[in-house]
Amino acid sequence: CASACCDAPPANATSTCSSNQCAVQCNPNYHACNGASSPCYADTDSKKCGPSCADCTQPNAVAVCNGTSCQNHCVGKQLSCTPANGKPECGSWGFESGTTEGWTASFPEGGWAPTSSTAKAFGGSTRSLAIRVTKASTWEISIEACSTGESISLYGSPYMSFRYYLLPDLGSGSLSGFNDAYINSYNGNDYVRGDYIDPLKENSWELWQANETGSPTVATRFALGFRFVDSLTWRGTIFIDDIQIH
């Protein structure tokens, strides 16, 4: 190139000479990021998507890049939220991402924040959500229905349901003071509806029925709560996995 020899190009690119200056041109179906000439990434690379090289990865979804933007697909049910940046709101949480995936805990009398744990998991997964219990109290974990703050209808065809798997650590004391568990939906801070469930069984529970009369009920937040009575002698960890709202 003029009086200089250009360096060998990086993978998926060719060397060019323009105005006596060496440069690099990405091959067809590849692109550079943020105006840089190299390295070059496949147009379908879900971690370097489009000219801004956006990272499409998100928990509980298959990351897809259509060449210019993210177009992800939920592994389970997709909630009726407006997708942000091509990332839908998924109604299932497996905690395989190593994070709490948006779930937070409310402890009226103090307690441990939830964490992602490898100590116990349901089915073929390797992680679950772990909550340390240190005293008798009532607490709940909750998540926004849509990260954008939108509300979603609780009715559909068929009805919406709430499922999770409980994996308590039974190693210390007695769980006789483990009174009950409940699943709730909220519109703002107002309780909408929910059901009490047996906290020591791994089951599915129907939470909302589609044939109820009146205007459709909407929710902005979902919650799963547990009640421990004063006689509780057990101290340990509750593991929760495979939460699904669909």
Protein backbone atom coordinates (compact mmCIF):
# COMPACT_ATOMS: atom_id res chain seq x y z
CA CYS A 1 0.00 0.00 0.00
CA ALA A 2 2.07 2.93 -1.33
CA SER A 3 5.50 2.24 0.20
CA ALA A 4 4.19 0.05 3.09
CA CYS A 5 3.04 -3.54 3.30
CA CYS A 6 -0.22 -3.96 5.21
CA ASP A 7 -0.44 -6.40 8.09
CA ALA A 8 -2.33 -9.63 7.62
CA PRO A 9 -6.06 -9.01 8.25
CA PRO A 10 -7.89 -10.48 11.24
CA ALA A 11 -10.29 -13.40 10.84
CA ASN A 12 -13.33 -12.80 8.61
CA ALA A 13 -11.81 -9.71 6.99
CA THR A 14 -9.59 -8.57 4.13
CA SER A 15 -6.90 -5.92 4.00
CA THR A 16 -7.53 -2.83 1.87
CA CYS A 17 -5.53 0.18 0.75
CA SER A 18 -7.30 3.53 0.59
CA SER A 19 -5.58 6.88 0.03
CA ASN A 20 -2.26 5.18 0.62
CA GLN A 21 -3.44 3.95 4.04
CA CYS A 22 -3.84 0.34 5.13
CA ALA A 23 -7.32 -0.59 6.31
CA VAL A 24 -9.47 -3.62 7.01
CA GLN A 25 -12.84 -4.51 5.44
CA CYS A 26 -15.13 -7.10 7.05
CA ASN A 27 -16.22 -9.93 4.78
CA PRO A 28 -19.89 -10.23 3.70
CA ASN A 29 -22.18 -11.29 6.58
CA TYR A 30 -19.71 -9.88 9.12
CA HIS A 31 -19.51 -6.48 10.79
CA ALA A 32 -17.24 -4.36 12.97
CA CYS A 33 -18.30 -2.70 16.20
CA ASN A 34 -18.68 0.99 17.01
CA GLY A 35 -16.97 2.16 13.84
CA ALA A 36 -13.85 0.05 14.40
CA SER A 37 -12.44 -1.77 11.40
CA SER A 38 -11.60 -4.95 13.29
CA PRO A 39 -12.24 -7.48 14.68
CA CYS A 40 -15.18 -8.63 12.59
CA TYR A 41 -18.16 -10.51 14.07
CA ALA A 42 -20.83 -12.59 12.36
CA ASP A 43 -24.03 -10.64 11.73
CA THR A 44 -25.90 -13.32 13.74
CA ASP A 45 -23.53 -13.14 16.75
CA SER A 46 -25.95 -12.72 19.69
CA LYS A 47 -23.24 -11.21 21.90
CA LYS A 48 -22.14 -8.66 19.29
CA CYS A 49 -25.42 -7.85 17.56
CA GLY A 50 -25.75 -5.08 14.98
CA PRO A 51 -23.55 -2.02 14.44
CA SER A 52 -23.61 -1.23 18.19
CA CYS A 53 -22.59 -4.82 19.01
CA ALA A 54 -25.37 -5.24 21.61
CA ASP A 55 -25.31 -8.24 23.94
CA CYS A 56 -28.62 -10.09 23.42
CA THR A 57 -28.12 -12.66 26.19
CA GLN A 58 -30.72 -12.73 28.97
CA PRO A 59 -31.83 -15.32 31.55
CA ASN A 60 -34.46 -17.90 30.52
CA ALA A 61 -34.41 -16.93 26.86
CA VAL A 62 -32.73 -18.00 23.63
CA ALA A 63 -30.64 -15.06 22.42
CA VAL A 64 -31.19 -14.31 18.72
CA CYS A 65 -29.68 -11.57 16.53
CA ASN A 66 -31.44 -10.92 13.21
CA GLY A 67 -28.45 -9.09 11.81
CA THR A 68 -29.30 -5.65 13.15
CA SER A 69 -31.07 -6.11 16.53
CA CYS A 70 -31.96 -8.65 19.22
CA GLN A 71 -35.03 -10.84 18.61
CA ASN A 72 -34.95 -13.19 21.60
CA HIS A 73 -37.35 -16.03 22.34
CA CYS A 74 -38.43 -17.08 25.86
CA VAL A 75 -37.68 -20.66 26.89
CA GLY A 76 -41.09 -20.76 28.62
CA LYS A 77 -44.11 -18.47 28.45
CA GLN A 78 -43.64 -14.89 27.25
CA LEU A 79 -45.55 -12.35 29.31
CA SER A 80 -47.58 -9.66 27.56
CA CYS A 81 -45.09 -6.89 28.31
CA THR A 82 -43.66 -4.65 25.60
CA PRO A 83 -40.23 -6.12 24.71
CA ALA A 84 -37.35 -3.74 25.35
CA ASN A 85 -34.46 -3.78 22.85
CA GLY A 86 -35.70 -7.04 21.38
CA LYS A 87 -35.67 -8.78 24.78
CA PRO A 88 -39.09 -10.12 25.84
CA GLU A 89 -40.27 -10.51 29.45
CA CYS A 90 -40.25 -14.23 30.19
CA GLY A 91 -42.60 -15.82 32.71
CA SER A 92 -40.18 -18.48 33.90
CA TRP A 93 -37.13 -18.35 36.13
CA GLY A 94 -34.62 -21.19 36.52
CA PHE A 95 -31.75 -19.19 38.13
CA GLU A 96 -29.17 -20.89 35.92
CA SER A 97 -27.77 -17.43 35.16
CA GLY A 98 -26.18 -17.37 38.62
CA THR A 99 -28.31 -14.36 39.66
CA THR A 100 -31.66 -13.82 41.39
CA GLU A 101 -33.08 -12.88 37.95
CA GLY A 102 -35.01 -9.91 39.33
CA TRP A 103 -36.55 -11.54 42.42
CA THR A 104 -36.17 -9.60 45.67
CA ALA A 105 -37.16 -10.44 49.25
CA SER A 106 -39.17 -8.56 51.85
CA PHE A 107 -38.39 -9.38 55.49
CA PRO A 108 -40.54 -7.37 57.95
CA GLU A 109 -38.23 -8.36 60.81
CA GLY A 110 -34.98 -8.50 58.91
CA GLY A 111 -33.42 -11.41 57.09
CA TRP A 112 -31.04 -12.61 54.43
CA ALA A 113 -31.24 -11.40 50.85
CA PRO A 114 -31.89 -14.19 48.31
CA THR A 115 -28.95 -15.58 46.36
CA SER A 116 -28.39 -18.02 43.52
CA SER A 117 -27.17 -21.33 44.94
CA THR A 118 -25.80 -24.63 43.66
CA ALA A 119 -26.63 -26.48 46.91
CA LYS A 120 -30.00 -27.76 45.65
CA ALA A 121 -31.88 -27.61 42.36
CA PHE A 122 -34.93 -29.15 40.74
CA GLY A 123 -34.84 -31.60 37.84
CA GLY A 124 -31.83 -31.31 35.59
CA SER A 125 -30.92 -27.76 36.60
CA THR A 126 -27.86 -26.86 38.66
CA ARG A 127 -29.02 -23.73 40.53
CA SER A 128 -31.92 -22.43 42.57
CA LEU A 129 -32.89 -19.35 44.58
CA ALA A 130 -31.77 -19.66 48.22
CA ILE A 131 -33.26 -17.77 51.19
CA ARG A 132 -31.76 -18.13 54.66
CA VAL A 133 -34.34 -18.37 57.49
CA THR A 134 -33.14 -17.27 60.92
CA LYS A 135 -36.30 -16.40 62.86
CA ALA A 136 -40.06 -16.88 62.93
CA SER A 137 -41.65 -14.32 60.62
CA THR A 138 -43.58 -13.83 57.40
CA TRP A 139 -41.62 -12.95 54.32
CA GLU A 140 -42.06 -12.99 50.57
CA ILE A 141 -40.11 -12.84 47.37
CA SER A 142 -41.55 -10.78 44.55
CA ILE A 143 -40.85 -9.59 41.03
CA GLU A 144 -42.29 -6.88 38.80
CA ALA A 145 -44.63 -8.26 36.15
CA CYS A 146 -42.87 -6.08 33.57
CA SER A 147 -39.53 -4.38 34.10
CA THR A 148 -40.98 -1.32 32.34
CA GLY A 149 -43.68 -0.97 35.04
CA GLU A 150 -46.54 -2.07 32.79
CA SER A 151 -49.40 -4.10 34.23
CA ILE A 152 -50.54 -7.35 32.63
CA SER A 153 -53.91 -9.08 32.60
CA LEU A 154 -54.28 -12.09 34.87
CA TYR A 155 -56.85 -13.65 32.56
CA GLY A 156 -56.22 -15.49 29.37
CA SER A 157 -57.11 -18.62 27.47
CA PRO A 158 -56.52 -20.85 29.28
CA TYR A 159 -56.31 -19.31 32.78
CA MET A 160 -52.98 -18.09 34.08
CA SER A 161 -51.23 -20.22 36.68
CA PHE A 162 -48.31 -19.90 39.09
CA ARG A 163 -45.91 -22.79 39.74
CA TYR A 164 -42.74 -23.25 41.73
CA TYR A 165 -40.76 -26.03 43.36
CA LEU A 166 -39.79 -25.85 47.01
CA LEU A 167 -36.65 -27.63 48.22
CA PRO A 168 -36.27 -26.98 51.97
CA ASP A 169 -33.14 -27.93 53.86
CA LEU A 170 -34.48 -30.33 56.52
CA GLY A 171 -31.24 -30.71 58.44
CA SER A 172 -31.89 -28.75 61.66
CA GLY A 173 -34.77 -28.61 64.12
CA SER A 174 -38.42 -29.12 63.24
CA LEU A 175 -40.43 -27.62 60.39
CA SER A 176 -43.69 -27.98 62.36
CA GLY A 177 -43.70 -24.19 62.70
CA PHE A 178 -43.68 -23.80 58.93
CA ASN A 179 -47.29 -22.65 58.88
CA ASP A 180 -48.19 -22.11 55.23
CA ALA A 181 -47.25 -20.47 51.97
CA TYR A 182 -49.16 -18.19 49.64
CA ILE A 183 -48.98 -16.81 46.13
CA ASN A 184 -50.21 -13.27 45.48
CA SER A 185 -50.57 -10.75 42.71
CA TYR A 186 -50.52 -7.00 43.27
CA ASN A 187 -51.67 -3.96 41.36
CA GLY A 188 -49.33 -1.33 42.68
CA ASN A 189 -49.31 -2.00 46.42
CA ASP A 190 -52.90 -3.30 46.43
CA TYR A 191 -53.43 -7.01 46.84
CA VAL A 192 -55.34 -8.45 43.86
CA ARG A 193 -55.82 -12.13 44.56
CA GLY A 194 -53.93 -15.26 45.58
CA ASP A 195 -54.14 -18.74 47.07
CA TYR A 196 -52.75 -20.55 50.10
CA ILE A 197 -50.77 -23.67 49.36
CA ASP A 198 -49.09 -26.55 51.15
CA PRO A 199 -45.50 -25.33 51.62
CA LEU A 200 -43.94 -28.78 51.88
CA LYS A 201 -45.13 -30.24 48.59
CA GLU A 202 -43.73 -29.85 45.11
CA ASN A 203 -46.85 -29.18 43.06
CA SER A 204 -48.50 -26.86 40.57
CA TRP A 205 -51.17 -24.43 41.73
CA GLU A 206 -53.88 -22.66 39.77
CA LEU A 207 -53.82 -19.03 40.81
CA TRP A 208 -56.20 -17.18 38.49
CA GLN A 209 -59.38 -18.37 36.85
CA ALA A 210 -60.40 -16.94 33.48
CA ASN A 211 -64.14 -17.43 33.97
CA GLU A 212 -64.56 -14.95 36.82
CA THR A 213 -67.04 -12.15 36.21
CA GLY A 214 -66.27 -8.45 36.17
CA SER A 215 -63.53 -6.45 34.53
CA PRO A 216 -60.24 -8.21 33.82
CA THR A 217 -57.88 -7.94 36.77
CA VAL A 218 -54.37 -6.72 36.10
CA ALA A 219 -51.20 -7.09 38.12
CA THR A 220 -47.94 -5.18 38.30
CA ARG A 221 -46.17 -7.57 40.67
CA PHE A 222 -46.15 -11.27 41.58
CA ALA A 223 -45.18 -12.59 44.99
CA LEU A 224 -44.55 -15.88 46.77
CA GLY A 225 -44.68 -15.74 50.57
CA PHE A 226 -44.03 -17.99 53.56
CA ARG A 227 -45.24 -17.82 57.17
CA PHE A 228 -43.23 -19.19 60.08
CA VAL A 229 -44.99 -19.30 63.47
CA ASP A 230 -43.29 -18.48 66.78
CA SER A 231 -42.86 -22.16 67.68
CA LEU A 232 -40.50 -22.75 64.77
CA THR A 233 -37.31 -24.46 65.93
CA TRP A 234 -35.79 -25.03 62.51
CA ARG A 235 -33.10 -22.73 61.13
CA GLY A 236 -31.88 -23.26 57.64
CA THR A 237 -32.32 -22.42 53.99
CA ILE A 238 -35.31 -22.54 51.66
CA PHE A 239 -34.47 -23.30 48.03
CA ILE A 240 -36.93 -22.33 45.29
CA ASP A 241 -36.58 -23.37 41.66
CA ASP A 242 -38.40 -23.41 38.32
CA ILE A 243 -40.82 -20.56 39.03
CA GLN A 244 -43.35 -20.25 36.21
CA ILE A 245 -46.20 -17.84 35.55
CA HIS A 246 -48.12 -18.67 32.41
